[in-house]
């Protein structure tokens, strides 16, 4: 036995339809905005990683130069 049809006010169905259309219409803009945010975040992280790597290499470079200078200075002492 089929359920009896209940009449729904046309203003209600129109409001629901307009809301659905609005959500579907805004979805691409939301997706692009999310994509831009994720891209910006990943670009920022890659720059932070580059800076960290450069700082680490500078520390290693300082240690290498110090050791090289110490070796050069010790050459004259051995003679």
C-alpha atoms as a PDB file:
ATOM      1  CA  UNK A   1       0.000   0.000   0.000  1.00  0.00           C
ATOM      2  CA  UNK A   2       1.490   3.350  -1.032  1.00  0.00           C
ATOM      3  CA  UNK A   3       1.997   6.073   1.514  1.00  0.00           C
ATOM      4  CA  UNK A   4      -0.465   8.903   1.216  1.00  0.00           C
ATOM      5  CA  UNK A   5       0.897  12.034  -0.405  1.00  0.00           C
ATOM      6  CA  UNK A   6       1.308  14.957   1.930  1.00  0.00           C
ATOM      7  CA  UNK A   7       0.998  18.351   0.325  1.00  0.00           C
ATOM      8  CA  UNK A   8       4.096  20.535   0.730  1.00  0.00           C
ATOM      9  CA  UNK A   9       3.924  24.278   0.529  1.00  0.00           C
ATOM     10  CA  UNK A  10       5.428  25.504  -2.750  1.00  0.00           C
ATOM     11  CA  UNK A  11       7.401  28.192  -0.892  1.00  0.00           C
ATOM     12  CA  UNK A  12       9.185  25.489   1.097  1.00  0.00           C
ATOM     13  CA  UNK A  13      10.096  23.463  -1.972  1.00  0.00           C
ATOM     14  CA  UNK A  14      11.267  26.637  -3.711  1.00  0.00           C
ATOM     15  CA  UNK A  15      13.465  27.597  -0.723  1.00  0.00           C
ATOM     16  CA  UNK A  16      15.025  24.122  -0.598  1.00  0.00           C
ATOM     17  CA  UNK A  17      15.625  24.151  -4.354  1.00  0.00           C
ATOM     18  CA  UNK A  18      17.254  27.597  -4.232  1.00  0.00           C
ATOM     19  CA  UNK A  19      19.476  26.519  -1.354  1.00  0.00           C
ATOM     20  CA  UNK A  20      20.586  23.418  -3.240  1.00  0.00           C
ATOM     21  CA  UNK A  21      21.335  25.469  -6.352  1.00  0.00           C
ATOM     22  CA  UNK A  22      23.324  27.967  -4.277  1.00  0.00           C
ATOM     23  CA  UNK A  23      25.433  25.215  -2.693  1.00  0.00           C
ATOM     24  CA  UNK A  24      26.114  23.546  -6.035  1.00  0.00           C
ATOM     25  CA  UNK A  25      27.000  26.900  -7.630  1.00  0.00           C
ATOM     26  CA  UNK A  26      29.474  27.809  -4.869  1.00  0.00           C
ATOM     27  CA  UNK A  27      31.230  24.421  -4.806  1.00  0.00           C
ATOM     28  CA  UNK A  28      33.802  25.178  -7.569  1.00  0.00           C
ATOM     29  CA  UNK A  29      34.822  28.459  -5.917  1.00  0.00           C
ATOM     30  CA  UNK A  30      35.230  26.709  -2.572  1.00  0.00           C
ATOM     31  CA  UNK A  31      37.320  23.982  -4.180  1.00  0.00           C
ATOM     32  CA  UNK A  32      39.622  26.483  -5.921  1.00  0.00           C
ATOM     33  CA  UNK A  33      40.018  28.486  -2.707  1.00  0.00           C
ATOM     34  CA  UNK A  34      40.963  25.317  -0.847  1.00  0.00           C
ATOM     35  CA  UNK A  35      43.433  24.418  -3.587  1.00  0.00           C
ATOM     36  CA  UNK A  36      45.051  27.868  -3.369  1.00  0.00           C
ATOM     37  CA  UNK A  37      45.393  27.563   0.404  1.00  0.00           C
ATOM     38  CA  UNK A  38      46.979  24.120   0.205  1.00  0.00           C
ATOM     39  CA  UNK A  39      49.346  25.264  -2.559  1.00  0.00           C
ATOM     40  CA  UNK A  40      50.393  28.333  -0.590  1.00  0.00           C
ATOM     41  CA  UNK A  41      50.967  26.253   2.518  1.00  0.00           C
ATOM     42  CA  UNK A  42      53.112  23.719   0.695  1.00  0.00           C
ATOM     43  CA  UNK A  43      55.137  26.495  -0.965  1.00  0.00           C
ATOM     44  CA  UNK A  44      55.732  28.044   2.442  1.00  0.00           C
ATOM     45  CA  UNK A  45      56.845  24.714   3.885  1.00  0.00           C
ATOM     46  CA  UNK A  46      59.262  24.148   1.019  1.00  0.00           C
ATOM     47  CA  UNK A  47      60.793  27.586   1.593  1.00  0.00           C
ATOM     48  CA  UNK A  48      61.140  26.847   5.297  1.00  0.00           C
ATOM     49  CA  UNK A  49      62.871  23.565   4.474  1.00  0.00           C
ATOM     50  CA  UNK A  50      65.228  25.354   2.092  1.00  0.00           C
ATOM     51  CA  UNK A  51      66.164  27.898   4.753  1.00  0.00           C
ATOM     52  CA  UNK A  52      66.730  25.148   7.313  1.00  0.00           C
ATOM     53  CA  UNK A  53      68.946  23.210   4.916  1.00  0.00           C
ATOM     54  CA  UNK A  54      70.954  26.321   4.083  1.00  0.00           C
ATOM     55  CA  UNK A  55      71.499  27.072   7.769  1.00  0.00           C
ATOM     56  CA  UNK A  56      72.620  23.504   8.417  1.00  0.00           C
ATOM     57  CA  UNK A  57      75.074  23.656   5.499  1.00  0.00           C
ATOM     58  CA  UNK A  58      76.426  26.965   6.776  1.00  0.00           C
ATOM     59  CA  UNK A  59      77.127  25.390  10.164  1.00  0.00           C
ATOM     60  CA  UNK A  60      78.925  22.474   8.512  1.00  0.00           C
ATOM     61  CA  UNK A  61      80.849  24.898   6.313  1.00  0.00           C
ATOM     62  CA  UNK A  62      82.017  26.861   9.340  1.00  0.00           C
ATOM     63  CA  UNK A  63      83.251  23.693  11.017  1.00  0.00           C
ATOM     64  CA  UNK A  64      85.100  22.583   7.864  1.00  0.00           C
ATOM     65  CA  UNK A  65      86.779  25.975   7.442  1.00  0.00           C
ATOM     66  CA  UNK A  66      87.818  25.991  11.105  1.00  0.00           C
ATOM     67  CA  UNK A  67      89.359  22.532  10.810  1.00  0.00           C
ATOM     68  CA  UNK A  68      91.119  23.444   7.539  1.00  0.00           C
ATOM     69  CA  UNK A  69      92.586  26.595   9.079  1.00  0.00           C
ATOM     70  CA  UNK A  70      93.729  24.596  12.100  1.00  0.00           C
ATOM     71  CA  UNK A  71      95.441  22.045   9.815  1.00  0.00           C
ATOM     72  CA  UNK A  72      97.117  24.805   7.797  1.00  0.00           C
ATOM     73  CA  UNK A  73      98.349  26.507  10.964  1.00  0.00           C
ATOM     74  CA  UNK A  74      99.711  23.225  12.323  1.00  0.00           C
ATOM     75  CA  UNK A  75     101.898  22.660   9.230  1.00  0.00           C
ATOM     76  CA  UNK A  76     104.430  25.253  10.370  1.00  0.00           C
ATOM     77  CA  UNK A  77     104.654  23.767  13.887  1.00  0.00           C
ATOM     78  CA  UNK A  78     105.753  20.306  12.671  1.00  0.00           C
ATOM     79  CA  UNK A  79     108.884  21.620  10.904  1.00  0.00           C
END
